[in-house]
Amino acid sequence: MTTRVTGDPADNRPGPARAGLFVYAKDVERLSAFYVDLLDMTRAHATPQMTVLRSPDLQLIVHAMPPERAVQVTVATPPVPRDDAAIKFFHAVPSLAQAAETAAALGGAVWSEQYRGPGFVVCNAVDPEGNIFQVREYAPA
């Protein structure tokens, strides 16, 4: 017997998400606003320490860094990519060109180099705090 897990944003039922990503932020509000606008996410829940964002494809929790870590982190403009992370996520966008414009306006960047995969084109990107991720535009093979 299969048990249905609720909380899927696509069916708008309450409950826990089936999958997601957790990212630490020095400025929770700024980073949350970046992902809301860039990835067309909605705010599901917020406290002073974290914001839970949702899209039909992903739940993203933006959580404040512990204070002792936050004082060690410098956020530069433009952001300095933090390429020492062991994981990066990807998210689909309707247009890589529009994503690049939006990211730049919000303090991040979508890099111009593109990679083609089966049914999509992808670019690496960086958020205002230097976290590297990818944006993907669906493209016929």
N, C-alpha and C. Protein backbone atom coordinates (compact mmCIF):
# COMPACT_ATOMS: atom_id res chain seq x y z
N MET A 1 0.83 -1.17 0.00
CA MET A 1 0.00 0.00 0.00
C MET A 1 0.89 1.25 0.00
N THR A 2 0.57 2.20 -0.85
CA THR A 2 1.31 3.45 -0.93
C THR A 2 0.57 4.51 -0.14
N THR A 3 1.30 5.23 0.68
CA THR A 3 0.72 6.32 1.45
C THR A 3 1.05 7.63 0.74
N ARG A 4 0.04 8.42 0.49
CA ARG A 4 0.26 9.71 -0.16
C ARG A 4 0.82 10.70 0.86
N VAL A 5 1.88 11.37 0.48
CA VAL A 5 2.47 12.41 1.33
C VAL A 5 1.81 13.73 0.96
N THR A 6 1.24 14.41 1.96
CA THR A 6 0.62 15.70 1.69
C THR A 6 1.66 16.80 1.76
N GLY A 7 1.26 17.97 1.39
CA GLY A 7 2.15 19.11 1.44
C GLY A 7 2.77 19.44 0.10
N ASP A 8 2.35 18.75 -0.95
CA ASP A 8 2.84 19.05 -2.28
C ASP A 8 2.29 20.41 -2.71
N PRO A 9 3.16 21.40 -3.00
CA PRO A 9 2.66 22.71 -3.38
C PRO A 9 1.76 22.66 -4.60
N ALA A 10 1.95 21.67 -5.48
CA ALA A 10 1.14 21.59 -6.68
C ALA A 10 -0.32 21.29 -6.38
N ASP A 11 -0.58 20.58 -5.28
CA ASP A 11 -1.98 20.29 -4.97
C ASP A 11 -2.51 21.16 -3.83
N ASN A 12 -1.69 22.10 -3.36
CA ASN A 12 -2.08 23.09 -2.36
C ASN A 12 -2.65 22.50 -1.08
N ARG A 13 -2.24 21.32 -0.72
CA ARG A 13 -2.68 20.74 0.55
C ARG A 13 -1.68 21.08 1.64
N PRO A 14 -2.18 21.28 2.86
CA PRO A 14 -1.24 21.55 3.94
C PRO A 14 -0.45 20.30 4.30
N GLY A 15 0.67 20.50 4.92
CA GLY A 15 1.47 19.38 5.37
C GLY A 15 2.93 19.59 5.02
N PRO A 16 3.76 18.67 5.44
CA PRO A 16 5.19 18.82 5.19
C PRO A 16 5.53 18.63 3.71
N ALA A 17 6.58 19.30 3.29
CA ALA A 17 7.05 19.16 1.91
C ALA A 17 7.65 17.77 1.71
N ARG A 18 7.61 17.30 0.49
CA ARG A 18 8.19 16.00 0.18
C ARG A 18 9.69 16.09 -0.04
N ALA A 19 10.17 17.26 -0.43
CA ALA A 19 11.61 17.47 -0.63
C ALA A 19 11.88 18.96 -0.58
N GLY A 20 13.12 19.30 -0.32
CA GLY A 20 13.45 20.71 -0.26
C GLY A 20 14.93 20.93 -0.05
N LEU A 21 15.26 22.16 0.20
CA LEU A 21 16.64 22.58 0.34
C LEU A 21 16.71 23.61 1.46
N PHE A 22 17.79 23.59 2.19
CA PHE A 22 18.01 24.47 3.34
C PHE A 22 19.26 25.27 3.05
N VAL A 23 19.19 26.60 3.09
CA VAL A 23 20.36 27.44 2.83
C VAL A 23 20.51 28.45 3.97
N TYR A 24 21.73 28.59 4.45
CA TYR A 24 22.00 29.59 5.48
C TYR A 24 22.21 30.94 4.82
N ALA A 25 21.74 32.00 5.49
CA ALA A 25 21.85 33.35 4.95
C ALA A 25 22.31 34.32 6.02
N LYS A 26 23.12 35.27 5.61
CA LYS A 26 23.49 36.36 6.51
C LYS A 26 22.33 37.35 6.61
N ASP A 27 21.65 37.59 5.49
CA ASP A 27 20.49 38.48 5.43
C ASP A 27 19.31 37.68 4.89
N VAL A 28 18.51 37.13 5.81
CA VAL A 28 17.40 36.25 5.43
C VAL A 28 16.42 36.96 4.50
N GLU A 29 16.05 38.18 4.83
CA GLU A 29 15.06 38.89 4.02
C GLU A 29 15.56 39.15 2.60
N ARG A 30 16.79 39.60 2.47
CA ARG A 30 17.33 39.88 1.13
C ARG A 30 17.43 38.62 0.29
N LEU A 31 17.92 37.55 0.87
CA LEU A 31 18.07 36.31 0.12
C LEU A 31 16.70 35.72 -0.22
N SER A 32 15.76 35.80 0.71
CA SER A 32 14.40 35.32 0.44
C SER A 32 13.78 36.09 -0.72
N ALA A 33 13.89 37.41 -0.69
CA ALA A 33 13.33 38.24 -1.77
C ALA A 33 13.96 37.90 -3.11
N PHE A 34 15.26 37.62 -3.12
CA PHE A 34 15.95 37.24 -4.35
C PHE A 34 15.32 35.99 -4.95
N TYR A 35 15.15 34.94 -4.15
CA TYR A 35 14.61 33.69 -4.67
C TYR A 35 13.12 33.79 -4.99
N VAL A 36 12.37 34.57 -4.24
CA VAL A 36 10.95 34.79 -4.55
C VAL A 36 10.82 35.38 -5.95
N ASP A 37 11.58 36.43 -6.22
CA ASP A 37 11.47 37.11 -7.51
C ASP A 37 12.10 36.32 -8.65
N LEU A 38 13.27 35.77 -8.43
CA LEU A 38 13.97 35.07 -9.51
C LEU A 38 13.28 33.77 -9.90
N LEU A 39 12.86 32.99 -8.91
CA LEU A 39 12.32 31.66 -9.18
C LEU A 39 10.80 31.60 -9.05
N ASP A 40 10.16 32.74 -8.94
CA ASP A 40 8.70 32.82 -8.85
C ASP A 40 8.17 31.95 -7.71
N MET A 41 8.81 32.06 -6.56
CA MET A 41 8.41 31.30 -5.38
C MET A 41 7.46 32.13 -4.53
N THR A 42 6.76 31.47 -3.63
CA THR A 42 5.89 32.16 -2.69
C THR A 42 6.39 31.91 -1.27
N ARG A 43 6.07 32.83 -0.39
CA ARG A 43 6.43 32.70 1.02
C ARG A 43 5.34 31.87 1.70
N ALA A 44 5.74 30.71 2.21
CA ALA A 44 4.79 29.84 2.90
C ALA A 44 4.74 30.14 4.39
N HIS A 45 5.86 30.59 4.95
CA HIS A 45 5.96 30.81 6.40
C HIS A 45 7.21 31.63 6.66
N ALA A 46 7.16 32.48 7.69
CA ALA A 46 8.36 33.26 8.02
C ALA A 46 8.41 33.55 9.51
N THR A 47 9.62 33.55 10.05
CA THR A 47 9.91 33.99 11.41
C THR A 47 11.13 34.90 11.28
N PRO A 48 11.56 35.56 12.35
CA PRO A 48 12.77 36.37 12.23
C PRO A 48 14.01 35.53 11.87
N GLN A 49 13.99 34.24 12.15
CA GLN A 49 15.14 33.37 11.89
C GLN A 49 15.12 32.67 10.54
N MET A 50 13.94 32.56 9.91
CA MET A 50 13.88 31.81 8.66
C MET A 50 12.65 32.18 7.86
N THR A 51 12.74 31.89 6.57
CA THR A 51 11.61 32.03 5.66
C THR A 51 11.52 30.75 4.86
N VAL A 52 10.31 30.21 4.75
CA VAL A 52 10.06 29.01 3.95
C VAL A 52 9.44 29.46 2.64
N LEU A 53 10.11 29.13 1.54
CA LEU A 53 9.65 29.49 0.20
C LEU A 53 9.20 28.24 -0.53
N ARG A 54 8.22 28.42 -1.42
CA ARG A 54 7.70 27.28 -2.18
C ARG A 54 7.51 27.63 -3.64
N SER A 55 7.72 26.63 -4.45
CA SER A 55 7.30 26.65 -5.85
C SER A 55 6.71 25.26 -6.09
N PRO A 56 6.09 25.03 -7.24
CA PRO A 56 5.59 23.68 -7.50
C PRO A 56 6.69 22.61 -7.48
N ASP A 57 7.95 23.03 -7.68
CA ASP A 57 9.05 22.09 -7.78
C ASP A 57 9.93 21.98 -6.54
N LEU A 58 9.89 22.97 -5.65
CA LEU A 58 10.88 23.02 -4.59
C LEU A 58 10.37 23.77 -3.37
N GLN A 59 10.76 23.29 -2.19
CA GLN A 59 10.62 24.07 -0.98
C GLN A 59 12.03 24.48 -0.57
N LEU A 60 12.22 25.77 -0.36
CA LEU A 60 13.52 26.32 -0.01
C LEU A 60 13.39 27.03 1.34
N ILE A 61 14.18 26.60 2.30
CA ILE A 61 14.19 27.23 3.62
C ILE A 61 15.43 28.11 3.69
N VAL A 62 15.22 29.40 3.86
CA VAL A 62 16.31 30.37 4.01
C VAL A 62 16.40 30.64 5.51
N HIS A 63 17.49 30.21 6.13
CA HIS A 63 17.65 30.28 7.59
C HIS A 63 18.83 31.17 7.96
N ALA A 64 18.66 31.96 9.00
CA ALA A 64 19.73 32.83 9.46
C ALA A 64 20.94 32.02 9.90
N MET A 65 22.12 32.48 9.51
CA MET A 65 23.36 31.85 9.98
C MET A 65 23.45 32.02 11.49
N PRO A 66 24.08 31.06 12.16
CA PRO A 66 24.36 31.29 13.58
C PRO A 66 25.19 32.57 13.72
N PRO A 67 24.93 33.38 14.75
CA PRO A 67 25.64 34.67 14.88
C PRO A 67 27.16 34.55 14.85
N GLU A 68 27.69 33.50 15.46
CA GLU A 68 29.15 33.34 15.47
C GLU A 68 29.71 33.08 14.07
N ARG A 69 28.91 32.51 13.19
CA ARG A 69 29.33 32.28 11.80
C ARG A 69 29.10 33.54 10.97
N ALA A 70 27.99 34.22 11.21
CA ALA A 70 27.65 35.40 10.42
C ALA A 70 28.71 36.49 10.52
N VAL A 71 29.33 36.64 11.68
CA VAL A 71 30.36 37.68 11.83
C VAL A 71 31.62 37.35 11.02
N GLN A 72 31.78 36.09 10.64
CA GLN A 72 32.94 35.67 9.86
C GLN A 72 32.71 35.80 8.35
N VAL A 73 31.47 36.03 7.95
CA VAL A 73 31.11 36.06 6.53
C VAL A 73 30.99 37.51 6.06
N THR A 74 31.67 37.80 4.96
CA THR A 74 31.56 39.11 4.33
C THR A 74 30.81 38.95 3.03
N VAL A 75 29.76 39.72 2.86
CA VAL A 75 28.99 39.70 1.62
C VAL A 75 29.44 40.90 0.80
N ALA A 76 29.97 40.61 -0.39
CA ALA A 76 30.51 41.65 -1.27
C ALA A 76 29.53 41.98 -2.38
N THR A 77 29.72 43.14 -3.00
CA THR A 77 28.94 43.53 -4.16
C THR A 77 29.91 43.87 -5.27
N PRO A 78 29.91 43.14 -6.39
CA PRO A 78 29.09 41.96 -6.65
C PRO A 78 29.50 40.79 -5.75
N PRO A 79 28.61 39.79 -5.66
CA PRO A 79 28.90 38.68 -4.75
C PRO A 79 30.11 37.87 -5.19
N VAL A 80 30.86 37.43 -4.21
CA VAL A 80 32.00 36.54 -4.47
C VAL A 80 31.47 35.12 -4.38
N PRO A 81 31.54 34.36 -5.48
CA PRO A 81 31.01 32.99 -5.46
C PRO A 81 31.70 32.14 -4.40
N ARG A 82 30.88 31.45 -3.63
CA ARG A 82 31.41 30.52 -2.63
C ARG A 82 31.42 29.13 -3.27
N ASP A 83 32.53 28.82 -3.89
CA ASP A 83 32.62 27.57 -4.65
C ASP A 83 33.10 26.39 -3.83
N ASP A 84 33.09 26.54 -2.51
CA ASP A 84 33.54 25.43 -1.66
C ASP A 84 32.38 24.59 -1.14
N ALA A 85 31.17 24.85 -1.60
CA ALA A 85 30.01 24.07 -1.16
C ALA A 85 30.01 22.71 -1.87
N ALA A 86 29.58 21.70 -1.16
CA ALA A 86 29.56 20.35 -1.71
C ALA A 86 28.30 20.07 -2.53
N ILE A 87 27.34 20.97 -2.49
CA ILE A 87 26.08 20.75 -3.19
C ILE A 87 25.59 22.07 -3.76
N LYS A 88 24.94 22.00 -4.92
CA LYS A 88 24.24 23.16 -5.45
C LYS A 88 22.94 22.66 -6.07
N PHE A 89 21.94 23.50 -6.05
CA PHE A 89 20.65 23.08 -6.56
C PHE A 89 20.39 23.72 -7.92
N PHE A 90 19.36 23.24 -8.60
CA PHE A 90 18.92 23.86 -9.84
C PHE A 90 17.43 24.08 -9.77
N HIS A 91 16.95 25.01 -10.57
CA HIS A 91 15.52 25.31 -10.64
C HIS A 91 15.20 25.75 -12.06
N ALA A 92 14.07 25.33 -12.56
CA ALA A 92 13.64 25.72 -13.90
C ALA A 92 13.14 27.17 -13.89
N VAL A 93 13.41 27.87 -14.97
CA VAL A 93 12.91 29.23 -15.19
C VAL A 93 12.34 29.29 -16.61
N PRO A 94 11.39 30.18 -16.85
CA PRO A 94 10.83 30.28 -18.21
C PRO A 94 11.84 30.78 -19.24
N SER A 95 12.77 31.65 -18.81
CA SER A 95 13.72 32.26 -19.73
C SER A 95 15.04 32.54 -19.03
N LEU A 96 16.13 32.03 -19.58
CA LEU A 96 17.45 32.31 -19.02
C LEU A 96 17.79 33.79 -19.15
N ALA A 97 17.40 34.41 -20.26
CA ALA A 97 17.69 35.83 -20.45
C ALA A 97 16.97 36.67 -19.39
N GLN A 98 15.71 36.37 -19.15
CA GLN A 98 14.97 37.11 -18.12
C GLN A 98 15.54 36.83 -16.74
N ALA A 99 15.93 35.59 -16.48
CA ALA A 99 16.54 35.25 -15.19
C ALA A 99 17.82 36.05 -14.98
N ALA A 100 18.61 36.23 -16.02
CA ALA A 100 19.85 37.00 -15.90
C ALA A 100 19.56 38.45 -15.55
N GLU A 101 18.55 39.04 -16.18
CA GLU A 101 18.18 40.43 -15.88
C GLU A 101 17.67 40.56 -14.45
N THR A 102 16.80 39.64 -14.04
CA THR A 102 16.23 39.69 -12.70
C THR A 102 17.31 39.50 -11.64
N ALA A 103 18.17 38.50 -11.84
CA ALA A 103 19.24 38.24 -10.87
C ALA A 103 20.14 39.46 -10.71
N ALA A 104 20.51 40.09 -11.81
CA ALA A 104 21.38 41.27 -11.75
C ALA A 104 20.71 42.41 -10.99
N ALA A 105 19.42 42.61 -11.22
CA ALA A 105 18.69 43.68 -10.53
C ALA A 105 18.59 43.44 -9.03
N LEU A 106 18.68 42.17 -8.62
CA LEU A 106 18.53 41.81 -7.21
C LEU A 106 19.86 41.54 -6.51
N GLY A 107 20.96 41.82 -7.18
CA GLY A 107 22.27 41.66 -6.54
C GLY A 107 22.96 40.34 -6.79
N GLY A 108 22.43 39.51 -7.66
CA GLY A 108 23.06 38.24 -8.02
C GLY A 108 23.51 38.28 -9.47
N ALA A 109 23.72 37.11 -10.05
CA ALA A 109 24.13 37.04 -11.45
C ALA A 109 23.81 35.66 -12.00
N VAL A 110 23.48 35.63 -13.28
CA VAL A 110 23.40 34.38 -14.05
C VAL A 110 24.54 34.48 -15.06
N TRP A 111 25.45 33.53 -15.00
CA TRP A 111 26.61 33.57 -15.88
C TRP A 111 26.22 33.21 -17.30
N SER A 112 26.92 33.76 -18.26
CA SER A 112 26.52 33.63 -19.66
C SER A 112 26.81 32.26 -20.27
N GLU A 113 27.79 31.55 -19.75
CA GLU A 113 28.12 30.24 -20.33
C GLU A 113 26.95 29.28 -20.15
N GLN A 114 26.55 28.64 -21.24
CA GLN A 114 25.41 27.73 -21.22
C GLN A 114 25.87 26.31 -21.49
N TYR A 115 25.16 25.39 -20.88
CA TYR A 115 25.37 23.96 -21.08
C TYR A 115 24.05 23.36 -21.51
N ARG A 116 24.11 22.44 -22.46
CA ARG A 116 22.89 21.81 -22.94
C ARG A 116 22.78 20.41 -22.35
N GLY A 117 21.59 20.10 -21.87
CA GLY A 117 21.28 18.77 -21.38
C GLY A 117 20.10 18.23 -22.17
N PRO A 118 19.64 17.04 -21.85
CA PRO A 118 18.51 16.47 -22.58
C PRO A 118 17.21 17.23 -22.27
N GLY A 119 16.82 18.10 -23.20
CA GLY A 119 15.57 18.85 -23.04
C GLY A 119 15.70 20.16 -22.29
N PHE A 120 16.91 20.62 -22.01
CA PHE A 120 17.07 21.89 -21.31
C PHE A 120 18.42 22.52 -21.62
N VAL A 121 18.49 23.82 -21.32
CA VAL A 121 19.74 24.58 -21.35
C VAL A 121 19.92 25.13 -19.95
N VAL A 122 21.14 25.10 -19.43
CA VAL A 122 21.39 25.48 -18.04
C VAL A 122 22.54 26.49 -17.96
N CYS A 123 22.42 27.39 -16.99
CA CYS A 123 23.50 28.33 -16.67
C CYS A 123 23.76 28.28 -15.17
N ASN A 124 25.00 28.45 -14.80
CA ASN A 124 25.31 28.63 -13.38
C ASN A 124 24.92 30.05 -12.99
N ALA A 125 24.61 30.21 -11.71
CA ALA A 125 24.19 31.51 -11.19
C ALA A 125 24.72 31.66 -9.77
N VAL A 126 24.69 32.90 -9.28
CA VAL A 126 25.13 33.18 -7.92
C VAL A 126 24.12 34.13 -7.29
N ASP A 127 23.77 33.85 -6.04
CA ASP A 127 22.83 34.73 -5.33
C ASP A 127 23.60 35.87 -4.66
N PRO A 128 22.92 36.83 -4.04
CA PRO A 128 23.62 37.98 -3.45
C PRO A 128 24.62 37.63 -2.36
N GLU A 129 24.53 36.43 -1.79
CA GLU A 129 25.47 36.04 -0.74
C GLU A 129 26.56 35.11 -1.24
N GLY A 130 26.59 34.86 -2.55
CA GLY A 130 27.66 34.06 -3.12
C GLY A 130 27.36 32.59 -3.30
N ASN A 131 26.15 32.14 -2.94
CA ASN A 131 25.78 30.73 -3.13
C ASN A 131 25.59 30.45 -4.62
N ILE A 132 26.21 29.39 -5.10
CA ILE A 132 26.12 29.03 -6.51
C ILE A 132 24.99 28.03 -6.69
N PHE A 133 24.21 28.24 -7.75
CA PHE A 133 23.11 27.34 -8.10
C PHE A 133 22.98 27.38 -9.62
N GLN A 134 22.00 26.67 -10.17
CA GLN A 134 21.79 26.68 -11.61
C GLN A 134 20.35 27.04 -11.93
N VAL A 135 20.17 27.71 -13.06
CA VAL A 135 18.84 27.93 -13.61
C VAL A 135 18.77 27.18 -14.93
N ARG A 136 17.61 26.57 -15.16
CA ARG A 136 17.42 25.75 -16.36
C ARG A 136 16.20 26.23 -17.13
N GLU A 137 16.39 26.34 -18.43
CA GLU A 137 15.28 26.66 -19.32
C GLU A 137 15.00 25.42 -20.15
N TYR A 138 13.75 25.00 -20.19
CA TYR A 138 13.40 23.84 -21.00
C TYR A 138 13.58 24.19 -22.46
N ALA A 139 14.15 23.25 -23.21
CA ALA A 139 14.41 23.46 -24.64
C ALA A 139 14.21 22.13 -25.35
N PRO A 140 13.52 22.15 -26.47
CA PRO A 140 13.34 20.91 -27.21
C PRO A 140 14.69 20.32 -27.61
N ALA A 141 14.75 19.01 -27.61
CA ALA A 141 16.00 18.32 -27.95
C ALA A 141 16.35 18.46 -29.41
